[in-house]
Amino acid sequence: MATINEPVQAVLFWYTIVFAVSVLFGGIIGFVKKGSKASIIAATIVAAALAGLDFIPWQVVRASALCVFAIGVTFMFKGKWQGSAEKSANGGYDQLPDGSETPDGSETAPPKKFMPFGLLTVLGVVLVVIALVALVVPYL
């Protein structure tokens, strides 16, 4: 079985911890700002799963599991990020599904909010890349 060299292992380990903490902070912020219990529960579960996967003793299995989990989480965050532009400040929709104009006169949806789901999407993509590098480097 191939082994991953020490610097790549360290980067994968610490980046995963940073990503898990970022997810947890996002859940805490969601709870504090909006009172969302679901946000803090989901963030705690995802952060715990990331941290747990980070401690798998077999290097290649750990990198593979982190890569697969990060892909799933990244797609989840991307979906949430795209949904962040759909609702306006008053809770309504700025654009109808067929693209027609809404009663308030707008023709397009507002720009997507980058925080927190845009940031978590980008961090997730970086984790996928690091995990893939960790899987490929032993074979170079």
N, C-alpha and C. Protein backbone atom coordinates (compact mmCIF):
# COMPACT_ATOMS: atom_id res chain seq x y z
N MET A 1 0.85 -1.18 0.00
CA MET A 1 0.00 0.00 0.00
C MET A 1 0.89 1.24 0.00
N ALA A 2 0.51 2.22 -0.79
CA ALA A 2 1.28 3.45 -0.88
C ALA A 2 1.11 4.27 0.40
N THR A 3 2.14 5.02 0.72
CA THR A 3 2.06 5.91 1.87
C THR A 3 2.18 7.35 1.38
N ILE A 4 1.55 8.24 2.08
CA ILE A 4 1.58 9.66 1.74
C ILE A 4 2.69 10.30 2.55
N ASN A 5 3.51 11.15 1.89
CA ASN A 5 4.64 11.73 2.61
C ASN A 5 4.17 12.71 3.70
N GLU A 6 5.05 12.95 4.64
CA GLU A 6 4.71 13.73 5.84
C GLU A 6 4.17 15.14 5.58
N PRO A 7 4.80 15.94 4.70
CA PRO A 7 4.26 17.29 4.49
C PRO A 7 2.83 17.28 3.94
N VAL A 8 2.54 16.37 3.04
CA VAL A 8 1.18 16.29 2.47
C VAL A 8 0.19 15.83 3.54
N GLN A 9 0.60 14.87 4.38
CA GLN A 9 -0.25 14.43 5.49
C GLN A 9 -0.57 15.58 6.43
N ALA A 10 0.45 16.37 6.74
CA ALA A 10 0.26 17.49 7.67
C ALA A 10 -0.69 18.54 7.08
N VAL A 11 -0.50 18.87 5.81
CA VAL A 11 -1.39 19.85 5.18
C VAL A 11 -2.82 19.34 5.17
N LEU A 12 -3.02 18.08 4.79
CA LEU A 12 -4.36 17.50 4.76
C LEU A 12 -4.99 17.50 6.15
N PHE A 13 -4.22 17.10 7.16
CA PHE A 13 -4.73 17.05 8.53
C PHE A 13 -5.16 18.43 9.01
N TRP A 14 -4.25 19.41 8.92
CA TRP A 14 -4.53 20.73 9.48
C TRP A 14 -5.58 21.48 8.67
N TYR A 15 -5.59 21.32 7.36
CA TYR A 15 -6.61 21.99 6.56
C TYR A 15 -7.99 21.43 6.88
N THR A 16 -8.08 20.13 7.09
CA THR A 16 -9.36 19.52 7.45
C THR A 16 -9.85 20.06 8.79
N ILE A 17 -8.95 20.22 9.74
CA ILE A 17 -9.34 20.79 11.04
C ILE A 17 -9.82 22.23 10.87
N VAL A 18 -9.12 23.02 10.06
CA VAL A 18 -9.53 24.41 9.81
C VAL A 18 -10.91 24.44 9.15
N PHE A 19 -11.13 23.55 8.19
CA PHE A 19 -12.43 23.49 7.51
C PHE A 19 -13.53 23.09 8.49
N ALA A 20 -13.27 22.11 9.34
CA ALA A 20 -14.26 21.67 10.33
C ALA A 20 -14.60 22.81 11.30
N VAL A 21 -13.60 23.53 11.74
CA VAL A 21 -13.84 24.66 12.65
C VAL A 21 -14.63 25.76 11.94
N SER A 22 -14.33 26.00 10.67
CA SER A 22 -15.07 27.00 9.89
C SER A 22 -16.54 26.62 9.77
N VAL A 23 -16.81 25.35 9.51
CA VAL A 23 -18.19 24.87 9.43
C VAL A 23 -18.89 25.06 10.77
N LEU A 24 -18.20 24.71 11.84
CA LEU A 24 -18.79 24.86 13.18
C LEU A 24 -19.07 26.33 13.50
N PHE A 25 -18.14 27.22 13.18
CA PHE A 25 -18.37 28.65 13.41
C PHE A 25 -19.54 29.16 12.58
N GLY A 26 -19.68 28.66 11.36
CA GLY A 26 -20.83 29.03 10.53
C GLY A 26 -22.14 28.64 11.19
N GLY A 27 -22.17 27.45 11.78
CA GLY A 27 -23.37 27.01 12.49
C GLY A 27 -23.65 27.85 13.72
N ILE A 28 -22.60 28.21 14.43
CA ILE A 28 -22.76 29.06 15.62
C ILE A 28 -23.29 30.43 15.22
N ILE A 29 -22.75 30.99 14.14
CA ILE A 29 -23.20 32.30 13.67
C ILE A 29 -24.67 32.22 13.23
N GLY A 30 -25.04 31.14 12.54
CA GLY A 30 -26.43 30.96 12.14
C GLY A 30 -27.36 30.88 13.34
N PHE A 31 -26.90 30.22 14.38
CA PHE A 31 -27.70 30.11 15.60
C PHE A 31 -27.83 31.46 16.30
N VAL A 32 -26.72 32.18 16.41
CA VAL A 32 -26.74 33.47 17.11
C VAL A 32 -27.55 34.51 16.33
N LYS A 33 -27.35 34.59 15.01
CA LYS A 33 -28.02 35.62 14.22
C LYS A 33 -29.50 35.32 13.97
N LYS A 34 -29.81 34.08 13.65
CA LYS A 34 -31.18 33.73 13.26
C LYS A 34 -31.89 32.83 14.26
N GLY A 35 -31.17 32.37 15.29
CA GLY A 35 -31.78 31.47 16.26
C GLY A 35 -32.05 30.07 15.69
N SER A 36 -31.28 29.69 14.69
CA SER A 36 -31.50 28.42 13.99
C SER A 36 -30.83 27.26 14.72
N LYS A 37 -31.64 26.44 15.37
CA LYS A 37 -31.10 25.26 16.04
C LYS A 37 -30.62 24.24 15.01
N ALA A 38 -31.33 24.16 13.87
CA ALA A 38 -30.94 23.23 12.81
C ALA A 38 -29.54 23.56 12.29
N SER A 39 -29.23 24.83 12.21
CA SER A 39 -27.93 25.27 11.72
C SER A 39 -26.80 24.78 12.62
N ILE A 40 -26.95 24.95 13.91
CA ILE A 40 -25.89 24.54 14.82
C ILE A 40 -25.80 23.01 14.92
N ILE A 41 -26.93 22.33 14.84
CA ILE A 41 -26.91 20.86 14.90
C ILE A 41 -26.23 20.30 13.65
N ALA A 42 -26.63 20.79 12.47
CA ALA A 42 -26.04 20.31 11.22
C ALA A 42 -24.54 20.62 11.17
N ALA A 43 -24.17 21.82 11.58
CA ALA A 43 -22.76 22.20 11.56
C ALA A 43 -21.94 21.34 12.51
N THR A 44 -22.50 21.03 13.66
CA THR A 44 -21.79 20.18 14.62
C THR A 44 -21.59 18.78 14.06
N ILE A 45 -22.61 18.24 13.40
CA ILE A 45 -22.50 16.90 12.82
C ILE A 45 -21.46 16.88 11.71
N VAL A 46 -21.51 17.86 10.81
CA VAL A 46 -20.55 17.90 9.70
C VAL A 46 -19.12 18.11 10.23
N ALA A 47 -18.94 19.01 11.18
CA ALA A 47 -17.61 19.27 11.74
C ALA A 47 -17.07 18.03 12.47
N ALA A 48 -17.94 17.34 13.21
CA ALA A 48 -17.51 16.13 13.91
C ALA A 48 -17.14 15.03 12.91
N ALA A 49 -17.91 14.91 11.84
CA ALA A 49 -17.60 13.90 10.82
C ALA A 49 -16.26 14.21 10.14
N LEU A 50 -16.03 15.48 9.81
CA LEU A 50 -14.75 15.86 9.21
C LEU A 50 -13.59 15.56 10.15
N ALA A 51 -13.73 15.97 11.40
CA ALA A 51 -12.66 15.72 12.37
C ALA A 51 -12.47 14.22 12.59
N GLY A 52 -13.55 13.46 12.64
CA GLY A 52 -13.45 12.02 12.81
C GLY A 52 -12.74 11.35 11.64
N LEU A 53 -13.09 11.76 10.43
CA LEU A 53 -12.42 11.20 9.25
C LEU A 53 -10.93 11.54 9.23
N ASP A 54 -10.61 12.68 9.81
CA ASP A 54 -9.21 13.11 9.84
C ASP A 54 -8.33 12.22 10.71
N PHE A 55 -8.94 11.43 11.57
CA PHE A 55 -8.16 10.58 12.47
C PHE A 55 -8.17 9.11 12.07
N ILE A 56 -8.62 8.81 10.84
CA ILE A 56 -8.52 7.44 10.34
C ILE A 56 -7.02 7.10 10.23
N PRO A 57 -6.58 5.97 10.77
CA PRO A 57 -5.15 5.69 10.81
C PRO A 57 -4.50 5.35 9.46
N TRP A 58 -5.27 4.87 8.50
CA TRP A 58 -4.67 4.48 7.22
C TRP A 58 -4.69 5.67 6.28
N GLN A 59 -3.52 6.07 5.82
CA GLN A 59 -3.36 7.32 5.08
C GLN A 59 -4.19 7.40 3.81
N VAL A 60 -4.14 6.38 3.00
CA VAL A 60 -4.85 6.41 1.72
C VAL A 60 -6.36 6.35 1.96
N VAL A 61 -6.79 5.57 2.92
CA VAL A 61 -8.22 5.49 3.25
C VAL A 61 -8.70 6.84 3.78
N ARG A 62 -7.90 7.47 4.63
CA ARG A 62 -8.26 8.79 5.18
C ARG A 62 -8.42 9.81 4.06
N ALA A 63 -7.45 9.88 3.16
CA ALA A 63 -7.50 10.84 2.07
C ALA A 63 -8.69 10.56 1.16
N SER A 64 -8.96 9.29 0.89
CA SER A 64 -10.11 8.93 0.04
C SER A 64 -11.43 9.31 0.70
N ALA A 65 -11.57 8.98 1.97
CA ALA A 65 -12.80 9.28 2.70
C ALA A 65 -13.02 10.79 2.80
N LEU A 66 -11.96 11.53 3.08
CA LEU A 66 -12.07 12.99 3.15
C LEU A 66 -12.46 13.58 1.80
N CYS A 67 -11.89 13.04 0.73
CA CYS A 67 -12.21 13.53 -0.61
C CYS A 67 -13.68 13.30 -0.94
N VAL A 68 -14.17 12.12 -0.69
CA VAL A 68 -15.58 11.80 -0.98
C VAL A 68 -16.51 12.65 -0.11
N PHE A 69 -16.22 12.74 1.17
CA PHE A 69 -17.06 13.52 2.08
C PHE A 69 -17.03 15.00 1.70
N ALA A 70 -15.84 15.51 1.35
CA ALA A 70 -15.71 16.92 0.98
C ALA A 70 -16.48 17.23 -0.30
N ILE A 71 -16.50 16.29 -1.25
CA ILE A 71 -17.28 16.51 -2.47
C ILE A 71 -18.76 16.65 -2.12
N GLY A 72 -19.26 15.76 -1.28
CA GLY A 72 -20.66 15.83 -0.88
C GLY A 72 -21.00 17.12 -0.15
N VAL A 73 -20.16 17.49 0.80
CA VAL A 73 -20.39 18.70 1.58
C VAL A 73 -20.29 19.94 0.69
N THR A 74 -19.34 19.93 -0.24
CA THR A 74 -19.18 21.07 -1.14
C THR A 74 -20.40 21.26 -2.02
N PHE A 75 -20.95 20.17 -2.55
CA PHE A 75 -22.18 20.30 -3.33
C PHE A 75 -23.34 20.80 -2.48
N MET A 76 -23.41 20.36 -1.24
CA MET A 76 -24.45 20.84 -0.34
C MET A 76 -24.31 22.35 -0.12
N PHE A 77 -23.09 22.80 0.18
CA PHE A 77 -22.87 24.23 0.41
C PHE A 77 -23.11 25.04 -0.86
N LYS A 78 -22.74 24.49 -2.01
CA LYS A 78 -22.96 25.18 -3.28
C LYS A 78 -24.45 25.38 -3.51
N GLY A 79 -25.25 24.37 -3.23
CA GLY A 79 -26.69 24.50 -3.37
C GLY A 79 -27.26 25.56 -2.45
N LYS A 80 -26.78 25.59 -1.22
CA LYS A 80 -27.22 26.60 -0.27
C LYS A 80 -26.79 28.00 -0.73
N TRP A 81 -25.58 28.09 -1.28
CA TRP A 81 -25.06 29.37 -1.74
C TRP A 81 -25.91 29.89 -2.91
N GLN A 82 -26.24 29.01 -3.85
CA GLN A 82 -27.08 29.43 -4.97
C GLN A 82 -28.46 29.85 -4.50
N GLY A 83 -28.96 29.20 -3.47
CA GLY A 83 -30.26 29.55 -2.92
C GLY A 83 -30.26 30.86 -2.15
N SER A 84 -29.07 31.35 -1.79
CA SER A 84 -29.00 32.57 -0.99
C SER A 84 -29.44 33.79 -1.77
N ALA A 85 -29.45 33.73 -3.10
CA ALA A 85 -29.85 34.88 -3.90
C ALA A 85 -31.33 34.84 -4.25
N GLU A 86 -32.00 33.74 -3.98
CA GLU A 86 -33.38 33.60 -4.42
C GLU A 86 -34.37 34.41 -3.61
N LYS A 87 -34.13 34.58 -2.33
CA LYS A 87 -35.07 35.32 -1.49
C LYS A 87 -34.60 36.75 -1.30
N SER A 88 -35.52 37.68 -1.39
CA SER A 88 -35.16 39.07 -1.17
C SER A 88 -35.19 39.37 0.32
N ALA A 89 -34.87 40.61 0.65
CA ALA A 89 -34.80 41.00 2.05
C ALA A 89 -36.16 40.88 2.74
N ASN A 90 -37.26 41.07 2.00
CA ASN A 90 -38.58 40.98 2.63
C ASN A 90 -39.12 39.56 2.64
N GLY A 91 -38.31 38.59 2.23
CA GLY A 91 -38.73 37.19 2.28
C GLY A 91 -39.39 36.70 1.01
N GLY A 92 -39.65 37.59 0.06
CA GLY A 92 -40.28 37.20 -1.20
C GLY A 92 -39.23 36.83 -2.24
N TYR A 93 -39.71 36.51 -3.42
CA TYR A 93 -38.80 36.17 -4.51
C TYR A 93 -38.72 37.32 -5.48
N ASP A 94 -37.51 37.65 -5.93
CA ASP A 94 -37.32 38.76 -6.85
C ASP A 94 -37.56 38.36 -8.29
N GLN A 95 -37.43 37.09 -8.60
CA GLN A 95 -37.62 36.63 -9.96
C GLN A 95 -38.45 35.36 -9.94
N LEU A 96 -39.41 35.28 -10.80
CA LEU A 96 -40.24 34.09 -10.89
C LEU A 96 -39.46 32.99 -11.58
N PRO A 97 -39.81 31.71 -11.36
CA PRO A 97 -39.05 30.60 -11.96
C PRO A 97 -38.93 30.68 -13.48
N ASP A 98 -39.94 31.26 -14.17
CA ASP A 98 -39.86 31.34 -15.63
C ASP A 98 -39.05 32.55 -16.10
N GLY A 99 -38.50 33.34 -15.17
CA GLY A 99 -37.66 34.48 -15.51
C GLY A 99 -38.44 35.76 -15.74
N SER A 100 -39.76 35.71 -15.59
CA SER A 100 -40.55 36.91 -15.81
C SER A 100 -40.39 37.89 -14.65
N GLU A 101 -40.81 39.09 -14.91
CA GLU A 101 -40.65 40.15 -13.92
C GLU A 101 -41.61 39.96 -12.74
N THR A 102 -41.15 40.31 -11.57
CA THR A 102 -41.97 40.21 -10.37
C THR A 102 -42.71 41.52 -10.14
N PRO A 103 -43.70 41.51 -9.26
CA PRO A 103 -44.49 42.72 -9.02
C PRO A 103 -43.66 43.93 -8.58
N ASP A 104 -42.50 43.69 -7.94
CA ASP A 104 -41.69 44.83 -7.50
C ASP A 104 -40.85 45.43 -8.62
N GLY A 105 -40.96 44.89 -9.83
CA GLY A 105 -40.29 45.48 -10.98
C GLY A 105 -38.91 44.93 -11.28
N SER A 106 -38.38 44.05 -10.48
CA SER A 106 -37.04 43.54 -10.74
C SER A 106 -37.10 42.44 -11.80
N GLU A 107 -36.03 42.32 -12.56
CA GLU A 107 -35.97 41.29 -13.59
C GLU A 107 -34.99 40.18 -13.25
N THR A 108 -34.08 40.46 -12.37
CA THR A 108 -33.08 39.47 -12.01
C THR A 108 -33.00 39.32 -10.51
N ALA A 109 -32.47 38.19 -10.11
CA ALA A 109 -32.28 37.95 -8.68
C ALA A 109 -31.11 38.79 -8.18
N PRO A 110 -31.09 39.12 -6.90
CA PRO A 110 -29.97 39.87 -6.35
C PRO A 110 -28.70 39.01 -6.37
N PRO A 111 -27.55 39.65 -6.23
CA PRO A 111 -26.32 38.85 -6.21
C PRO A 111 -26.28 37.91 -5.01
N LYS A 112 -25.58 36.79 -5.20
CA LYS A 112 -25.47 35.82 -4.11
C LYS A 112 -24.62 36.39 -2.99
N LYS A 113 -25.00 36.07 -1.75
CA LYS A 113 -24.20 36.46 -0.60
C LYS A 113 -23.05 35.45 -0.47
N PHE A 114 -21.83 35.95 -0.38
CA PHE A 114 -20.68 35.05 -0.31
C PHE A 114 -20.58 34.35 1.04
N MET A 115 -20.95 35.05 2.10
CA MET A 115 -20.84 34.48 3.45
C MET A 115 -22.15 33.88 3.88
N PRO A 116 -22.18 32.75 4.48
CA PRO A 116 -21.09 31.84 4.76
C PRO A 116 -20.94 30.73 3.72
N PHE A 117 -22.00 30.48 2.91
CA PHE A 117 -21.97 29.30 2.05
C PHE A 117 -20.99 29.41 0.89
N GLY A 118 -20.77 30.62 0.38
CA GLY A 118 -19.78 30.78 -0.69
C GLY A 118 -18.38 30.45 -0.18
N LEU A 119 -18.06 30.95 1.00
CA LEU A 119 -16.76 30.67 1.60
C LEU A 119 -16.60 29.17 1.87
N LEU A 120 -17.62 28.54 2.43
CA LEU A 120 -17.54 27.11 2.72
C LEU A 120 -17.45 26.28 1.44
N THR A 121 -18.08 26.75 0.36
CA THR A 121 -17.97 26.07 -0.93
C THR A 121 -16.53 26.12 -1.42
N VAL A 122 -15.92 27.29 -1.36
CA VAL A 122 -14.52 27.44 -1.80
C VAL A 122 -13.59 26.60 -0.92
N LEU A 123 -13.79 26.64 0.39
CA LEU A 123 -12.96 25.83 1.30
C LEU A 123 -13.14 24.34 1.02
N GLY A 124 -14.35 23.92 0.69
CA GLY A 124 -14.60 22.52 0.36
C GLY A 124 -13.89 22.10 -0.91
N VAL A 125 -13.89 22.96 -1.93
CA VAL A 125 -13.18 22.65 -3.17
C VAL A 125 -11.68 22.51 -2.90
N VAL A 126 -11.15 23.39 -2.07
CA VAL A 126 -9.72 23.31 -1.72
C VAL A 126 -9.42 22.00 -0.99
N LEU A 127 -10.31 21.57 -0.10
CA LEU A 127 -10.11 20.29 0.60
C LEU A 127 -10.12 19.13 -0.38
N VAL A 128 -11.02 19.16 -1.35
CA VAL A 128 -11.06 18.10 -2.38
C VAL A 128 -9.73 18.06 -3.12
N VAL A 129 -9.21 19.22 -3.51
CA VAL A 129 -7.94 19.28 -4.24
C VAL A 129 -6.80 18.75 -3.38
N ILE A 130 -6.75 19.14 -2.13
CA ILE A 130 -5.68 18.67 -1.24
C ILE A 130 -5.77 17.15 -1.07
N ALA A 131 -6.97 16.63 -0.88
CA ALA A 131 -7.14 15.19 -0.72
C ALA A 131 -6.74 14.45 -1.99
N LEU A 132 -7.08 14.99 -3.15
CA LEU A 132 -6.68 14.35 -4.41
C LEU A 132 -5.16 14.39 -4.60
N VAL A 133 -4.55 15.48 -4.22
CA VAL A 133 -3.08 15.58 -4.28
C VAL A 133 -2.47 14.52 -3.35
N ALA A 134 -3.04 14.38 -2.17
CA ALA A 134 -2.53 13.40 -1.22
C ALA A 134 -2.65 11.96 -1.78
N LEU A 135 -3.67 11.73 -2.59
CA LEU A 135 -3.85 10.41 -3.18
C LEU A 135 -2.93 10.16 -4.37
N VAL A 136 -2.58 11.22 -5.09
CA VAL A 136 -1.77 11.08 -6.31
C VAL A 136 -0.28 11.12 -6.03
N VAL A 137 0.15 11.95 -5.07
CA VAL A 137 1.57 12.17 -4.81
C VAL A 137 2.36 10.86 -4.58
N PRO A 138 1.83 9.87 -3.86
CA PRO A 138 2.63 8.66 -3.65
C PRO A 138 2.96 7.91 -4.94
N TYR A 139 2.21 8.16 -5.99
CA TYR A 139 2.42 7.43 -7.23
C TYR A 139 3.23 8.20 -8.26
N LEU A 140 3.71 9.38 -7.89
CA LEU A 140 4.54 10.17 -8.80
C LEU A 140 6.00 9.80 -8.69
